[in-house]
Amino acid sequence: MPAGTDHARQAGFHTPPGLARMSRPVILFDLDGTLADTAADLCETLNVILEMHGRERVPEERVRHLVGGGARLLLERGYRETGEPASEEALDLSFHEFIDYYGRHIADHTKLWPGMRDQLDWLSEHGALMAVCTNKVEGLSRKLLEMLGIDHYFPVVIGGDTLPVKKPDPEHLFEAIRQLGGMRENAVMVGDSETDVYAAKNAGLPCICVSFGYTRVPVAELDAEAVIDHFNEFPAALAKLLPGHFGN
């Protein structure tokens, strides 16, 4: 133990455990397109459901622009891509079919983005509090995190069905911060799409946006506080946004 720390404790000066936790950096991650490249499995699931209902398949490069907002919105966009919009009844049925199939094929082809695991280790070493804020349903999100071997980094997962609201509603992010026991002024959102950037803006939080994920709006037009092209640029982006925690 450093001598200064020992002296401070002997003198009665110490940081209460709760305050120490609240002062730690809080990093909120989107899942699809941010932590992992999930497009291939989402694409195949969407196309299986579309074909079940007599629709054409959607190419994977198009699906990457349809992801964001959860499975029901993905299906709604998929139907619009292939013909007439689906009725609410058809979407209800398709949603349950999607969840069933995707749950059985959730990680057939999904991989973490290059450098992601190293960054999670680095954040852990810096005492960061981490949560996943995704519009994917919570149960499937937790299952995927476990199958990717990164669930232990994320004690808090806020999914699309966890609360009455989804991103870009700021309450989605605020609830994650509350459950982590952190503070908003120490928090950063990390995402890949307009849903994530707008959620961060609505919450008054800075956002790091990855350029290689899934977005309907070009990343350059989203006005995120930082954009990275690879996760090896992540520490520098965090140092810019949270210099008190990650600055040199």
C-alpha atoms as a PDB file:
ATOM      1  CA  MET A   1       0.000   0.000   0.000  1.00  0.00           C
ATOM      2  CA  PRO A   2       1.431   3.453  -0.850  1.00  0.00           C
ATOM      3  CA  ALA A   3       2.678   5.340   2.222  1.00  0.00           C
ATOM      4  CA  GLY A   4       0.438   8.304   1.447  1.00  0.00           C
ATOM      5  CA  THR A   5      -2.632   6.106   1.407  1.00  0.00           C
ATOM      6  CA  ASP A   6      -1.689   4.540   4.732  1.00  0.00           C
ATOM      7  CA  HIS A   7      -1.093   7.972   6.282  1.00  0.00           C
ATOM      8  CA  ALA A   8      -4.416   9.270   5.051  1.00  0.00           C
ATOM      9  CA  ARG A   9      -6.252   6.310   6.551  1.00  0.00           C
ATOM     10  CA  GLN A  10      -4.446   6.713   9.888  1.00  0.00           C
ATOM     11  CA  ALA A  11      -5.411  10.382   9.901  1.00  0.00           C
ATOM     12  CA  GLY A  12      -9.028   9.497   9.302  1.00  0.00           C
ATOM     13  CA  PHE A  13      -9.157  10.742   5.698  1.00  0.00           C
ATOM     14  CA  HIS A  14     -10.685   8.148   3.417  1.00  0.00           C
ATOM     15  CA  THR A  15     -13.087   7.975   0.515  1.00  0.00           C
ATOM     16  CA  PRO A  16     -16.397   6.335   1.450  1.00  0.00           C
ATOM     17  CA  PRO A  17     -16.952   3.167  -0.656  1.00  0.00           C
ATOM     18  CA  GLY A  18     -20.099   4.572  -2.253  1.00  0.00           C
ATOM     19  CA  LEU A  19     -18.379   7.805  -3.232  1.00  0.00           C
ATOM     20  CA  ALA A  20     -15.389   5.897  -4.617  1.00  0.00           C
ATOM     21  CA  ARG A  21     -17.719   3.927  -6.868  1.00  0.00           C
ATOM     22  CA  MET A  22     -19.576   7.042  -7.993  1.00  0.00           C
ATOM     23  CA  SER A  23     -16.315   8.725  -8.992  1.00  0.00           C
ATOM     24  CA  ARG A  24     -15.298   5.905 -11.338  1.00  0.00           C
ATOM     25  CA  PRO A  25     -15.673   6.311 -15.111  1.00  0.00           C
ATOM     26  CA  VAL A  26     -18.885   4.906 -16.588  1.00  0.00           C
ATOM     27  CA  ILE A  27     -18.764   3.450 -20.103  1.00  0.00           C
ATOM     28  CA  LEU A  28     -22.051   2.520 -21.765  1.00  0.00           C
ATOM     29  CA  PHE A  29     -21.796   0.274 -24.822  1.00  0.00           C
ATOM     30  CA  ASP A  30     -24.251  -0.460 -27.584  1.00  0.00           C
ATOM     31  CA  LEU A  31     -24.126  -4.116 -28.642  1.00  0.00           C
ATOM     32  CA  ASP A  32     -24.930  -4.753 -32.320  1.00  0.00           C
ATOM     33  CA  GLY A  33     -22.329  -3.108 -34.524  1.00  0.00           C
ATOM     34  CA  THR A  34     -20.402  -1.670 -31.561  1.00  0.00           C
ATOM     35  CA  LEU A  35     -19.186  -4.490 -29.348  1.00  0.00           C
ATOM     36  CA  ALA A  36     -19.650  -7.155 -31.983  1.00  0.00           C
ATOM     37  CA  ASP A  37     -20.264  -7.708 -35.677  1.00  0.00           C
ATOM     38  CA  THR A  38     -23.660  -9.376 -35.474  1.00  0.00           C
ATOM     39  CA  ALA A  39     -24.906  -8.547 -38.971  1.00  0.00           C
ATOM     40  CA  ALA A  40     -24.515 -12.017 -40.499  1.00  0.00           C
ATOM     41  CA  ASP A  41     -26.712 -13.705 -37.874  1.00  0.00           C
ATOM     42  CA  LEU A  42     -29.259 -10.878 -37.855  1.00  0.00           C
ATOM     43  CA  CYS A  43     -29.344 -10.931 -41.647  1.00  0.00           C
ATOM     44  CA  GLU A  44     -29.922 -14.675 -41.860  1.00  0.00           C
ATOM     45  CA  THR A  45     -32.636 -14.566 -39.212  1.00  0.00           C
ATOM     46  CA  LEU A  46     -34.415 -11.694 -40.954  1.00  0.00           C
ATOM     47  CA  ASN A  47     -34.264 -13.493 -44.282  1.00  0.00           C
ATOM     48  CA  VAL A  48     -35.524 -16.776 -42.830  1.00  0.00           C
ATOM     49  CA  ILE A  49     -38.578 -14.958 -41.474  1.00  0.00           C
ATOM     50  CA  LEU A  50     -39.138 -12.974 -44.663  1.00  0.00           C
ATOM     51  CA  GLU A  51     -38.985 -16.150 -46.760  1.00  0.00           C
ATOM     52  CA  MET A  52     -41.438 -17.855 -44.405  1.00  0.00           C
ATOM     53  CA  HIS A  53     -43.881 -15.099 -45.343  1.00  0.00           C
ATOM     54  CA  GLY A  54     -43.239 -15.164 -49.087  1.00  0.00           C
ATOM     55  CA  ARG A  55     -40.821 -12.244 -49.286  1.00  0.00           C
ATOM     56  CA  GLU A  56     -37.463 -11.877 -51.034  1.00  0.00           C
ATOM     57  CA  ARG A  57     -34.178 -12.053 -49.140  1.00  0.00           C
ATOM     58  CA  VAL A  58     -32.418  -8.799 -48.259  1.00  0.00           C
ATOM     59  CA  PRO A  59     -28.661  -8.639 -49.026  1.00  0.00           C
ATOM     60  CA  GLU A  60     -26.437  -8.431 -45.936  1.00  0.00           C
ATOM     61  CA  GLU A  61     -25.032  -5.044 -46.947  1.00  0.00           C
ATOM     62  CA  ARG A  62     -28.586  -3.679 -46.852  1.00  0.00           C
ATOM     63  CA  VAL A  63     -29.373  -5.316 -43.523  1.00  0.00           C
ATOM     64  CA  ARG A  64     -26.446  -3.446 -41.964  1.00  0.00           C
ATOM     65  CA  HIS A  65     -28.370  -0.238 -42.680  1.00  0.00           C
ATOM     66  CA  LEU A  66     -31.608  -1.629 -41.243  1.00  0.00           C
ATOM     67  CA  VAL A  67     -30.256  -2.668 -37.825  1.00  0.00           C
ATOM     68  CA  GLY A  68     -30.873  -0.378 -34.858  1.00  0.00           C
ATOM     69  CA  GLY A  69     -34.054  -0.150 -32.859  1.00  0.00           C
ATOM     70  CA  GLY A  70     -34.579  -3.805 -32.032  1.00  0.00           C
ATOM     71  CA  ALA A  71     -35.941  -6.881 -33.780  1.00  0.00           C
ATOM     72  CA  ARG A  72     -39.446  -5.569 -34.395  1.00  0.00           C
ATOM     73  CA  LEU A  73     -38.173  -2.432 -36.114  1.00  0.00           C
ATOM     74  CA  LEU A  74     -35.698  -4.529 -38.123  1.00  0.00           C
ATOM     75  CA  LEU A  75     -38.591  -6.696 -39.315  1.00  0.00           C
ATOM     76  CA  GLU A  76     -40.694  -3.657 -40.134  1.00  0.00           C
ATOM     77  CA  ARG A  77     -37.849  -2.253 -42.236  1.00  0.00           C
ATOM     78  CA  GLY A  78     -37.258  -5.650 -43.833  1.00  0.00           C
ATOM     79  CA  TYR A  79     -40.873  -5.902 -44.957  1.00  0.00           C
ATOM     80  CA  ARG A  80     -40.716  -2.386 -46.396  1.00  0.00           C
ATOM     81  CA  GLU A  81     -37.539  -3.328 -48.277  1.00  0.00           C
ATOM     82  CA  THR A  82     -39.304  -6.259 -49.930  1.00  0.00           C
ATOM     83  CA  GLY A  83     -42.785  -4.946 -50.685  1.00  0.00           C
ATOM     84  CA  GLU A  84     -45.864  -3.809 -48.827  1.00  0.00           C
ATOM     85  CA  PRO A  85     -45.463  -2.863 -45.154  1.00  0.00           C
ATOM     86  CA  ALA A  86     -46.504  -5.607 -42.739  1.00  0.00           C
ATOM     87  CA  SER A  87     -49.617  -5.255 -40.608  1.00  0.00           C
ATOM     88  CA  GLU A  88     -49.299  -5.039 -36.824  1.00  0.00           C
ATOM     89  CA  GLU A  89     -50.613  -8.605 -36.579  1.00  0.00           C
ATOM     90  CA  ALA A  90     -48.018  -9.856 -39.064  1.00  0.00           C
ATOM     91  CA  LEU A  91     -45.266  -8.016 -37.182  1.00  0.00           C
ATOM     92  CA  ASP A  92     -46.384  -9.552 -33.898  1.00  0.00           C
ATOM     93  CA  LEU A  93     -46.173 -13.044 -35.388  1.00  0.00           C
ATOM     94  CA  SER A  94     -42.896 -12.347 -37.164  1.00  0.00           C
ATOM     95  CA  PHE A  95     -41.360 -10.908 -34.009  1.00  0.00           C
ATOM     96  CA  HIS A  96     -41.973 -14.117 -32.070  1.00  0.00           C
ATOM     97  CA  GLU A  97     -40.644 -16.177 -34.972  1.00  0.00           C
ATOM     98  CA  PHE A  98     -37.568 -13.953 -35.158  1.00  0.00           C
ATOM     99  CA  ILE A  99     -36.803 -14.237 -31.431  1.00  0.00           C
ATOM    100  CA  ASP A 100     -37.197 -18.013 -31.539  1.00  0.00           C
ATOM    101  CA  TYR A 101     -34.922 -18.538 -34.554  1.00  0.00           C
ATOM    102  CA  TYR A 102     -32.342 -15.929 -33.571  1.00  0.00           C
ATOM    103  CA  GLY A 103     -32.099 -17.343 -30.060  1.00  0.00           C
ATOM    104  CA  ARG A 104     -31.022 -20.671 -31.564  1.00  0.00           C
ATOM    105  CA  HIS A 105     -28.533 -19.106 -34.016  1.00  0.00           C
ATOM    106  CA  ILE A 106     -27.396 -16.032 -32.113  1.00  0.00           C
ATOM    107  CA  ALA A 107     -23.668 -16.603 -32.441  1.00  0.00           C
ATOM    108  CA  ASP A 108     -23.277 -18.793 -35.529  1.00  0.00           C
ATOM    109  CA  HIS A 109     -21.191 -16.099 -37.223  1.00  0.00           C
ATOM    110  CA  THR A 110     -21.056 -13.210 -34.721  1.00  0.00           C
ATOM    111  CA  LYS A 111     -17.600 -12.046 -33.628  1.00  0.00           C
ATOM    112  CA  LEU A 112     -16.205  -9.298 -31.434  1.00  0.00           C
ATOM    113  CA  TRP A 113     -14.701  -6.448 -33.407  1.00  0.00           C
ATOM    114  CA  PRO A 114     -10.876  -6.526 -33.575  1.00  0.00           C
ATOM    115  CA  GLY A 115      -9.304  -5.085 -30.440  1.00  0.00           C
ATOM    116  CA  MET A 116     -12.545  -5.092 -28.467  1.00  0.00           C
ATOM    117  CA  ARG A 117     -11.547  -7.612 -25.806  1.00  0.00           C
ATOM    118  CA  ASP A 118      -8.245  -5.821 -25.181  1.00  0.00           C
ATOM    119  CA  GLN A 119     -10.120  -2.577 -24.605  1.00  0.00           C
ATOM    120  CA  LEU A 120     -12.504  -4.225 -22.147  1.00  0.00           C
ATOM    121  CA  ASP A 121      -9.505  -5.557 -20.205  1.00  0.00           C
ATOM    122  CA  TRP A 122      -7.943  -2.081 -20.280  1.00  0.00           C
ATOM    123  CA  LEU A 123     -11.135  -0.469 -19.010  1.00  0.00           C
ATOM    124  CA  SER A 124     -11.355  -3.004 -16.198  1.00  0.00           C
ATOM    125  CA  GLU A 125      -7.793  -2.185 -15.181  1.00  0.00           C
ATOM    126  CA  HIS A 126      -8.808   1.477 -15.004  1.00  0.00           C
ATOM    127  CA  GLY A 127     -11.722   0.664 -12.707  1.00  0.00           C
ATOM    128  CA  ALA A 128     -14.404   1.568 -15.245  1.00  0.00           C
ATOM    129  CA  LEU A 129     -18.019   0.705 -14.543  1.00  0.00           C
ATOM    130  CA  MET A 130     -19.458  -0.824 -17.718  1.00  0.00           C
ATOM    131  CA  ALA A 131     -22.963  -1.542 -18.965  1.00  0.00           C
ATOM    132  CA  VAL A 132     -24.612  -2.562 -22.213  1.00  0.00           C
ATOM    133  CA  CYS A 133     -27.391  -0.280 -23.478  1.00  0.00           C
ATOM    134  CA  THR A 134     -29.036  -1.973 -26.440  1.00  0.00           C
ATOM    135  CA  ASN A 135     -32.421  -2.128 -28.121  1.00  0.00           C
ATOM    136  CA  LYS A 136     -31.958  -5.905 -28.527  1.00  0.00           C
ATOM    137  CA  VAL A 137     -34.166  -7.713 -26.026  1.00  0.00           C
ATOM    138  CA  GLU A 138     -32.400  -8.191 -22.710  1.00  0.00           C
ATOM    139  CA  GLY A 139     -32.509 -11.988 -22.594  1.00  0.00           C
ATOM    140  CA  LEU A 140     -30.914 -12.374 -26.015  1.00  0.00           C
ATOM    141  CA  SER A 141     -28.372  -9.667 -25.194  1.00  0.00           C
ATOM    142  CA  ARG A 142     -27.245 -11.488 -22.074  1.00  0.00           C
ATOM    143  CA  LYS A 143     -27.105 -14.781 -23.955  1.00  0.00           C
ATOM    144  CA  LEU A 144     -24.933 -13.277 -26.692  1.00  0.00           C
ATOM    145  CA  LEU A 145     -22.574 -11.595 -24.212  1.00  0.00           C
ATOM    146  CA  GLU A 146     -22.148 -14.942 -22.461  1.00  0.00           C
ATOM    147  CA  MET A 147     -21.493 -16.808 -25.713  1.00  0.00           C
ATOM    148  CA  LEU A 148     -18.911 -14.187 -26.706  1.00  0.00           C
ATOM    149  CA  GLY A 149     -17.239 -14.618 -23.307  1.00  0.00           C
ATOM    150  CA  ILE A 150     -17.591 -10.984 -22.231  1.00  0.00           C
ATOM    151  CA  ASP A 151     -20.608 -11.098 -19.909  1.00  0.00           C
ATOM    152  CA  HIS A 152     -18.392 -10.703 -16.811  1.00  0.00           C
ATOM    153  CA  TYR A 153     -17.472  -7.159 -17.894  1.00  0.00           C
ATOM    154  CA  PHE A 154     -21.107  -6.057 -17.824  1.00  0.00           C
ATOM    155  CA  PRO A 155     -22.968  -6.386 -14.511  1.00  0.00           C
ATOM    156  CA  VAL A 156     -25.729  -4.222 -15.980  1.00  0.00           C
ATOM    157  CA  VAL A 157     -27.550  -4.869 -19.261  1.00  0.00           C
ATOM    158  CA  ILE A 158     -30.430  -2.607 -20.291  1.00  0.00           C
ATOM    159  CA  GLY A 159     -32.236  -4.147 -23.244  1.00  0.00           C
ATOM    160  CA  GLY A 160     -35.036  -3.036 -25.482  1.00  0.00           C
ATOM    161  CA  ASP A 161     -37.605  -4.688 -23.225  1.00  0.00           C
ATOM    162  CA  THR A 162     -36.018  -3.856 -19.854  1.00  0.00           C
ATOM    163  CA  LEU A 163     -37.822  -0.523 -19.520  1.00  0.00           C
ATOM    164  CA  PRO A 164     -40.954   0.983 -21.042  1.00  0.00           C
ATOM    165  CA  VAL A 165     -38.613   3.070 -23.251  1.00  0.00           C
ATOM    166  CA  LYS A 166     -35.762   2.354 -25.657  1.00  0.00           C
ATOM    167  CA  LYS A 167     -32.886   4.394 -27.037  1.00  0.00           C
ATOM    168  CA  PRO A 168     -32.843   7.226 -28.016  1.00  0.00           C
ATOM    169  CA  ASP A 169     -34.847   7.928 -24.852  1.00  0.00           C
ATOM    170  CA  PRO A 170     -32.263   9.107 -22.287  1.00  0.00           C
ATOM    171  CA  GLU A 171     -33.885   7.109 -19.480  1.00  0.00           C
ATOM    172  CA  HIS A 172     -32.378   4.008 -21.095  1.00  0.00           C
ATOM    173  CA  LEU A 173     -28.904   5.367 -20.321  1.00  0.00           C
ATOM    174  CA  PHE A 174     -29.816   6.939 -16.988  1.00  0.00           C
ATOM    175  CA  GLU A 175     -31.087   3.608 -15.661  1.00  0.00           C
ATOM    176  CA  ALA A 176     -27.813   1.898 -16.584  1.00  0.00           C
ATOM    177  CA  ILE A 177     -25.847   4.584 -14.731  1.00  0.00           C
ATOM    178  CA  ARG A 178     -28.103   4.245 -11.676  1.00  0.00           C
ATOM    179  CA  GLN A 179     -27.731   0.474 -11.586  1.00  0.00           C
ATOM    180  CA  LEU A 180     -23.960   0.773 -11.901  1.00  0.00           C
ATOM    181  CA  GLY A 181     -23.883   3.257  -9.030  1.00  0.00           C
ATOM    182  CA  GLY A 182     -22.035   5.813 -11.143  1.00  0.00           C
ATOM    183  CA  MET A 183     -22.461   9.476 -11.985  1.00  0.00           C
ATOM    184  CA  ARG A 184     -23.637  11.034 -15.235  1.00  0.00           C
ATOM    185  CA  GLU A 185     -20.748  13.505 -15.339  1.00  0.00           C
ATOM    186  CA  ASN A 186     -18.327  10.552 -15.538  1.00  0.00           C
ATOM    187  CA  ALA A 187     -20.236   8.710 -18.273  1.00  0.00           C
ATOM    188  CA  VAL A 188     -19.623   8.189 -21.994  1.00  0.00           C
ATOM    189  CA  MET A 189     -21.797   6.367 -24.535  1.00  0.00           C
ATOM    190  CA  VAL A 190     -20.121   4.190 -27.178  1.00  0.00           C
ATOM    191  CA  GLY A 191     -22.205   3.326 -30.232  1.00  0.00           C
ATOM    192  CA  ASP A 192     -22.393   3.029 -33.982  1.00  0.00           C
ATOM    193  CA  SER A 193     -25.637   4.646 -35.102  1.00  0.00           C
ATOM    194  CA  GLU A 194     -27.975   7.599 -34.891  1.00  0.00           C
ATOM    195  CA  THR A 195     -29.908   5.790 -32.160  1.00  0.00           C
ATOM    196  CA  ASP A 196     -26.842   5.787 -29.904  1.00  0.00           C
ATOM    197  CA  VAL A 197     -25.683   9.317 -30.679  1.00  0.00           C
ATOM    198  CA  TYR A 198     -29.173  10.767 -30.222  1.00  0.00           C
ATOM    199  CA  ALA A 199     -29.613   8.839 -26.963  1.00  0.00           C
ATOM    200  CA  ALA A 200     -26.349  10.318 -25.694  1.00  0.00           C
ATOM    201  CA  LYS A 201     -27.333  13.822 -26.773  1.00  0.00           C
ATOM    202  CA  ASN A 202     -30.729  13.461 -25.124  1.00  0.00           C
ATOM    203  CA  ALA A 203     -28.976  12.364 -21.935  1.00  0.00           C
ATOM    204  CA  GLY A 204     -26.401  15.148 -22.092  1.00  0.00           C
ATOM    205  CA  LEU A 205     -23.556  12.637 -22.422  1.00  0.00           C
ATOM    206  CA  PRO A 206     -20.619  12.615 -24.845  1.00  0.00           C
ATOM    207  CA  CYS A 207     -20.557   9.826 -27.413  1.00  0.00           C
ATOM    208  CA  ILE A 208     -17.801   7.884 -29.141  1.00  0.00           C
ATOM    209  CA  CYS A 209     -19.078   6.551 -32.449  1.00  0.00           C
ATOM    210  CA  VAL A 210     -17.386   3.710 -34.333  1.00  0.00           C
ATOM    211  CA  SER A 211     -17.225   4.162 -38.101  1.00  0.00           C
ATOM    212  CA  PHE A 212     -17.486   0.451 -38.927  1.00  0.00           C
ATOM    213  CA  GLY A 213     -20.864  -0.426 -37.423  1.00  0.00           C
ATOM    214  CA  TYR A 214     -24.429  -0.228 -38.683  1.00  0.00           C
ATOM    215  CA  THR A 215     -26.073   3.116 -39.287  1.00  0.00           C
ATOM    216  CA  ARG A 216     -28.744   4.560 -41.554  1.00  0.00           C
ATOM    217  CA  VAL A 217     -27.224   8.044 -41.225  1.00  0.00           C
ATOM    218  CA  PRO A 218     -23.566   8.506 -42.243  1.00  0.00           C
ATOM    219  CA  VAL A 219     -21.359   8.712 -39.151  1.00  0.00           C
ATOM    220  CA  ALA A 220     -19.900  12.031 -40.338  1.00  0.00           C
ATOM    221  CA  GLU A 221     -23.387  13.567 -40.111  1.00  0.00           C
ATOM    222  CA  LEU A 222     -24.127  12.390 -36.561  1.00  0.00           C
ATOM    223  CA  ASP A 223     -21.989  14.982 -34.775  1.00  0.00           C
ATOM    224  CA  ALA A 224     -20.591  12.577 -32.200  1.00  0.00           C
ATOM    225  CA  GLU A 225     -17.909  14.003 -29.908  1.00  0.00           C
ATOM    226  CA  ALA A 226     -15.422  11.423 -31.210  1.00  0.00           C
ATOM    227  CA  VAL A 227     -15.298   8.945 -34.105  1.00  0.00           C
ATOM    228  CA  ILE A 228     -12.932   5.983 -34.213  1.00  0.00           C
ATOM    229  CA  ASP A 229     -12.044   3.702 -37.126  1.00  0.00           C
ATOM    230  CA  HIS A 230     -10.577   0.917 -34.940  1.00  0.00           C
ATOM    231  CA  PHE A 231     -10.692   0.142 -31.248  1.00  0.00           C
ATOM    232  CA  ASN A 232      -6.964   0.848 -30.946  1.00  0.00           C
ATOM    233  CA  GLU A 233      -8.061   4.520 -31.158  1.00  0.00           C
ATOM    234  CA  PHE A 234     -10.419   4.100 -28.209  1.00  0.00           C
ATOM    235  CA  PRO A 235      -8.059   5.130 -25.368  1.00  0.00           C
ATOM    236  CA  ALA A 236      -7.219   8.423 -27.068  1.00  0.00           C
ATOM    237  CA  ALA A 237     -10.904   9.171 -27.582  1.00  0.00           C
ATOM    238  CA  LEU A 238     -11.664   8.481 -23.924  1.00  0.00           C
ATOM    239  CA  ALA A 239      -8.721  10.632 -22.841  1.00  0.00           C
ATOM    240  CA  LYS A 240     -10.263  13.501 -24.806  1.00  0.00           C
ATOM    241  CA  LEU A 241     -13.735  13.079 -23.285  1.00  0.00           C
ATOM    242  CA  LEU A 242     -12.811  12.012 -19.741  1.00  0.00           C
ATOM    243  CA  PRO A 243      -9.352  13.532 -19.180  1.00  0.00           C
ATOM    244  CA  GLY A 244      -9.693  13.288 -15.410  1.00  0.00           C
ATOM    245  CA  HIS A 245      -9.882   9.512 -15.682  1.00  0.00           C
ATOM    246  CA  PHE A 246      -7.917   8.619 -18.803  1.00  0.00           C
ATOM    247  CA  GLY A 247      -5.734  11.656 -19.539  1.00  0.00           C
ATOM    248  CA  ASN A 248      -1.970  11.374 -19.297  1.00  0.00           C
END
